[in-house]
N, C-alpha and C. Protein backbone atom coordinates (compact mmCIF):
# COMPACT_ATOMS: atom_id res chain seq x y z
N MET A 1 0.85 -1.18 0.00
CA MET A 1 0.00 0.00 0.00
C MET A 1 0.89 1.24 0.00
N TYR A 2 0.58 2.18 -0.82
CA TYR A 2 1.40 3.37 -0.98
C TYR A 2 1.22 4.36 0.17
N LEU A 3 0.09 4.30 0.85
CA LEU A 3 -0.20 5.26 1.90
C LEU A 3 -0.36 4.50 3.22
N THR A 4 0.75 4.36 3.94
CA THR A 4 0.74 3.61 5.19
C THR A 4 0.16 4.46 6.31
N SER A 5 -0.14 3.81 7.41
CA SER A 5 -0.70 4.55 8.55
C SER A 5 0.32 5.54 9.11
N GLU A 6 1.61 5.20 9.02
CA GLU A 6 2.63 6.13 9.49
C GLU A 6 2.65 7.39 8.62
N ARG A 7 2.51 7.20 7.31
CA ARG A 7 2.49 8.35 6.39
C ARG A 7 1.26 9.22 6.64
N LYS A 8 0.12 8.58 6.90
CA LYS A 8 -1.09 9.33 7.20
C LYS A 8 -0.92 10.16 8.47
N LYS A 9 -0.34 9.54 9.50
CA LYS A 9 -0.12 10.26 10.75
C LYS A 9 0.81 11.44 10.54
N GLU A 10 1.81 11.25 9.69
CA GLU A 10 2.74 12.34 9.38
C GLU A 10 2.02 13.49 8.68
N ILE A 11 1.14 13.15 7.74
CA ILE A 11 0.36 14.17 7.03
C ILE A 11 -0.54 14.91 8.00
N PHE A 12 -1.24 14.17 8.86
CA PHE A 12 -2.15 14.78 9.82
C PHE A 12 -1.39 15.69 10.79
N LYS A 13 -0.19 15.26 11.20
CA LYS A 13 0.59 16.06 12.13
C LYS A 13 1.09 17.34 11.45
N THR A 14 1.51 17.22 10.21
CA THR A 14 2.05 18.37 9.49
C THR A 14 0.98 19.40 9.18
N TYR A 15 -0.16 18.95 8.67
CA TYR A 15 -1.19 19.88 8.20
C TYR A 15 -2.34 20.07 9.18
N GLY A 16 -2.60 19.09 10.03
CA GLY A 16 -3.73 19.19 10.94
C GLY A 16 -3.39 19.62 12.34
N GLY A 17 -2.11 19.59 12.68
CA GLY A 17 -1.70 20.01 14.00
C GLY A 17 -1.34 18.86 14.92
N SER A 18 -2.07 17.74 14.82
CA SER A 18 -1.74 16.57 15.62
C SER A 18 -2.08 15.31 14.84
N GLU A 19 -1.54 14.18 15.30
CA GLU A 19 -1.76 12.91 14.61
C GLU A 19 -3.21 12.48 14.66
N SER A 20 -3.93 12.90 15.68
CA SER A 20 -5.32 12.45 15.83
C SER A 20 -6.31 13.36 15.10
N ASN A 21 -5.85 14.47 14.56
CA ASN A 21 -6.74 15.40 13.85
C ASN A 21 -6.88 14.96 12.39
N SER A 22 -7.63 13.89 12.17
CA SER A 22 -7.78 13.36 10.82
C SER A 22 -9.00 13.92 10.11
N GLY A 23 -9.85 14.66 10.80
CA GLY A 23 -11.08 15.15 10.20
C GLY A 23 -11.06 16.61 9.83
N GLY A 24 -9.98 17.31 10.16
CA GLY A 24 -9.89 18.73 9.83
C GLY A 24 -9.80 18.95 8.33
N ALA A 25 -10.26 20.09 7.89
CA ALA A 25 -10.27 20.37 6.45
C ALA A 25 -8.86 20.33 5.87
N GLU A 26 -7.90 20.93 6.56
CA GLU A 26 -6.53 20.94 6.05
C GLU A 26 -5.97 19.52 5.95
N SER A 27 -6.25 18.69 6.95
CA SER A 27 -5.78 17.31 6.95
C SER A 27 -6.36 16.54 5.78
N GLN A 28 -7.65 16.70 5.57
CA GLN A 28 -8.30 15.98 4.48
C GLN A 28 -7.81 16.45 3.11
N ILE A 29 -7.61 17.76 2.96
CA ILE A 29 -7.11 18.29 1.70
C ILE A 29 -5.72 17.75 1.41
N ALA A 30 -4.86 17.70 2.43
CA ALA A 30 -3.51 17.17 2.26
C ALA A 30 -3.54 15.69 1.91
N LEU A 31 -4.42 14.94 2.55
CA LEU A 31 -4.54 13.51 2.27
C LEU A 31 -5.05 13.28 0.85
N PHE A 32 -6.05 14.04 0.43
CA PHE A 32 -6.56 13.92 -0.93
C PHE A 32 -5.48 14.29 -1.94
N THR A 33 -4.68 15.29 -1.63
CA THR A 33 -3.61 15.70 -2.54
C THR A 33 -2.60 14.59 -2.71
N GLU A 34 -2.25 13.94 -1.62
CA GLU A 34 -1.31 12.80 -1.67
C GLU A 34 -1.87 11.69 -2.56
N ARG A 35 -3.15 11.38 -2.38
CA ARG A 35 -3.77 10.33 -3.19
C ARG A 35 -3.88 10.74 -4.65
N ILE A 36 -4.16 12.01 -4.91
CA ILE A 36 -4.27 12.51 -6.28
C ILE A 36 -2.92 12.41 -6.99
N ILE A 37 -1.86 12.74 -6.30
CA ILE A 37 -0.52 12.64 -6.89
C ILE A 37 -0.22 11.19 -7.26
N HIS A 38 -0.55 10.28 -6.35
CA HIS A 38 -0.30 8.85 -6.61
C HIS A 38 -1.11 8.36 -7.81
N LEU A 39 -2.38 8.70 -7.85
CA LEU A 39 -3.22 8.25 -8.96
C LEU A 39 -2.82 8.90 -10.28
N SER A 40 -2.34 10.12 -10.24
CA SER A 40 -1.88 10.79 -11.46
C SER A 40 -0.67 10.06 -12.05
N GLU A 41 0.24 9.64 -11.17
CA GLU A 41 1.39 8.86 -11.64
C GLU A 41 0.95 7.54 -12.25
N HIS A 42 -0.03 6.90 -11.63
CA HIS A 42 -0.56 5.65 -12.16
C HIS A 42 -1.19 5.86 -13.54
N MET A 43 -1.91 6.97 -13.69
CA MET A 43 -2.58 7.25 -14.97
C MET A 43 -1.58 7.55 -16.09
N LYS A 44 -0.40 8.06 -15.74
CA LYS A 44 0.62 8.30 -16.76
C LYS A 44 1.10 7.00 -17.38
N MET A 45 1.13 5.94 -16.57
CA MET A 45 1.59 4.64 -17.07
C MET A 45 0.45 3.84 -17.70
N HIS A 46 -0.75 3.95 -17.14
CA HIS A 46 -1.90 3.15 -17.58
C HIS A 46 -2.98 4.09 -18.09
N LYS A 47 -2.82 4.55 -19.31
CA LYS A 47 -3.69 5.59 -19.85
C LYS A 47 -5.14 5.15 -20.04
N LYS A 48 -5.39 3.87 -20.21
CA LYS A 48 -6.75 3.40 -20.48
C LYS A 48 -7.46 2.85 -19.24
N ASP A 49 -6.92 3.07 -18.09
CA ASP A 49 -7.51 2.59 -16.85
C ASP A 49 -8.65 3.54 -16.44
N ARG A 50 -9.85 3.24 -16.87
CA ARG A 50 -10.99 4.14 -16.66
C ARG A 50 -11.47 4.15 -15.22
N PHE A 51 -11.29 3.05 -14.50
CA PHE A 51 -11.72 3.00 -13.11
C PHE A 51 -10.87 3.96 -12.26
N THR A 52 -9.57 3.96 -12.51
CA THR A 52 -8.69 4.87 -11.78
C THR A 52 -8.97 6.31 -12.19
N GLN A 53 -9.27 6.52 -13.46
CA GLN A 53 -9.58 7.86 -13.93
C GLN A 53 -10.82 8.41 -13.23
N ARG A 54 -11.82 7.55 -13.07
CA ARG A 54 -13.05 7.97 -12.40
C ARG A 54 -12.77 8.30 -10.93
N ALA A 55 -11.96 7.46 -10.28
CA ALA A 55 -11.61 7.71 -8.88
C ALA A 55 -10.82 9.01 -8.75
N LEU A 56 -9.94 9.27 -9.69
CA LEU A 56 -9.15 10.50 -9.67
C LEU A 56 -10.03 11.73 -9.81
N VAL A 57 -10.97 11.68 -10.72
CA VAL A 57 -11.89 12.82 -10.91
C VAL A 57 -12.72 13.04 -9.65
N GLY A 58 -13.15 11.97 -9.02
CA GLY A 58 -13.92 12.09 -7.78
C GLY A 58 -13.11 12.72 -6.67
N LEU A 59 -11.85 12.32 -6.53
CA LEU A 59 -10.98 12.90 -5.50
C LEU A 59 -10.71 14.37 -5.74
N VAL A 60 -10.50 14.72 -7.00
CA VAL A 60 -10.27 16.13 -7.32
C VAL A 60 -11.50 16.96 -6.96
N GLY A 61 -12.69 16.41 -7.22
CA GLY A 61 -13.93 17.10 -6.87
C GLY A 61 -14.09 17.26 -5.37
N LYS A 62 -13.78 16.21 -4.62
CA LYS A 62 -13.87 16.30 -3.16
C LYS A 62 -12.91 17.35 -2.61
N ARG A 63 -11.69 17.34 -3.15
CA ARG A 63 -10.71 18.32 -2.69
C ARG A 63 -11.17 19.74 -3.03
N ARG A 64 -11.74 19.91 -4.22
CA ARG A 64 -12.22 21.24 -4.64
C ARG A 64 -13.33 21.73 -3.72
N ARG A 65 -14.26 20.83 -3.35
CA ARG A 65 -15.35 21.21 -2.45
C ARG A 65 -14.82 21.60 -1.07
N LEU A 66 -13.84 20.85 -0.57
CA LEU A 66 -13.25 21.19 0.72
C LEU A 66 -12.51 22.53 0.65
N LEU A 67 -11.81 22.77 -0.45
CA LEU A 67 -11.12 24.05 -0.60
C LEU A 67 -12.12 25.20 -0.69
N ASP A 68 -13.22 24.99 -1.38
CA ASP A 68 -14.26 26.02 -1.46
C ASP A 68 -14.85 26.31 -0.08
N TYR A 69 -15.09 25.25 0.70
CA TYR A 69 -15.59 25.42 2.06
C TYR A 69 -14.61 26.24 2.90
N LEU A 70 -13.34 25.87 2.81
CA LEU A 70 -12.33 26.55 3.61
C LEU A 70 -12.20 28.02 3.18
N LYS A 71 -12.34 28.27 1.89
CA LYS A 71 -12.27 29.64 1.38
C LYS A 71 -13.43 30.48 1.92
N ARG A 72 -14.62 29.88 2.00
CA ARG A 72 -15.80 30.58 2.53
C ARG A 72 -15.65 30.86 4.02
N GLU A 73 -15.16 29.89 4.77
CA GLU A 73 -15.13 29.98 6.22
C GLU A 73 -13.95 30.79 6.77
N ASP A 74 -12.75 30.53 6.22
CA ASP A 74 -11.55 31.19 6.75
C ASP A 74 -10.52 31.33 5.64
N ILE A 75 -10.45 32.51 5.05
CA ILE A 75 -9.60 32.74 3.89
C ILE A 75 -8.12 32.58 4.21
N GLU A 76 -7.72 32.89 5.45
CA GLU A 76 -6.31 32.76 5.82
C GLU A 76 -5.88 31.30 5.86
N ARG A 77 -6.72 30.42 6.41
CA ARG A 77 -6.42 28.99 6.42
C ARG A 77 -6.36 28.46 4.99
N TYR A 78 -7.25 28.95 4.14
CA TYR A 78 -7.28 28.55 2.73
C TYR A 78 -5.96 28.93 2.05
N ARG A 79 -5.54 30.17 2.22
CA ARG A 79 -4.30 30.63 1.59
C ARG A 79 -3.10 29.86 2.11
N SER A 80 -3.12 29.54 3.40
CA SER A 80 -2.03 28.80 4.02
C SER A 80 -1.90 27.40 3.43
N ILE A 81 -3.01 26.69 3.32
CA ILE A 81 -2.95 25.32 2.81
C ILE A 81 -2.59 25.28 1.33
N ILE A 82 -3.07 26.26 0.57
CA ILE A 82 -2.73 26.35 -0.85
C ILE A 82 -1.21 26.53 -1.00
N GLN A 83 -0.65 27.40 -0.18
CA GLN A 83 0.79 27.66 -0.25
C GLN A 83 1.59 26.44 0.20
N GLN A 84 1.18 25.81 1.29
CA GLN A 84 1.91 24.66 1.81
C GLN A 84 1.93 23.50 0.83
N LEU A 85 0.81 23.25 0.18
CA LEU A 85 0.71 22.12 -0.74
C LEU A 85 1.18 22.45 -2.15
N GLY A 86 1.35 23.73 -2.42
CA GLY A 86 1.81 24.13 -3.75
C GLY A 86 0.73 23.96 -4.81
N LEU A 87 -0.53 24.17 -4.42
CA LEU A 87 -1.63 24.05 -5.37
C LEU A 87 -1.80 25.35 -6.11
N ARG A 88 -2.28 25.25 -7.31
CA ARG A 88 -2.55 26.46 -8.09
C ARG A 88 -3.84 27.08 -7.60
N LYS A 89 -4.00 28.35 -7.86
CA LYS A 89 -5.21 29.11 -7.62
C LYS A 89 -5.00 30.24 -6.68
């Protein structure tokens, strides 16, 4: 598995503040970004894998909705996570 529990805890600690903060918007956005990067690499090698493509589009949509929520609620947290993850926009 590409995303071990240790890696998840590291992501949650870096972006969410603590290892147990797995439900925060920043934590979820960072986790989705990690999964999106992995699936994008997979899609580069397996161009006709439609199931992975569908999963990738779904994850991008989830991340976009979370980013929109964060932008509405707290613009500073939104700008911070965008900068930390190196996302465009």
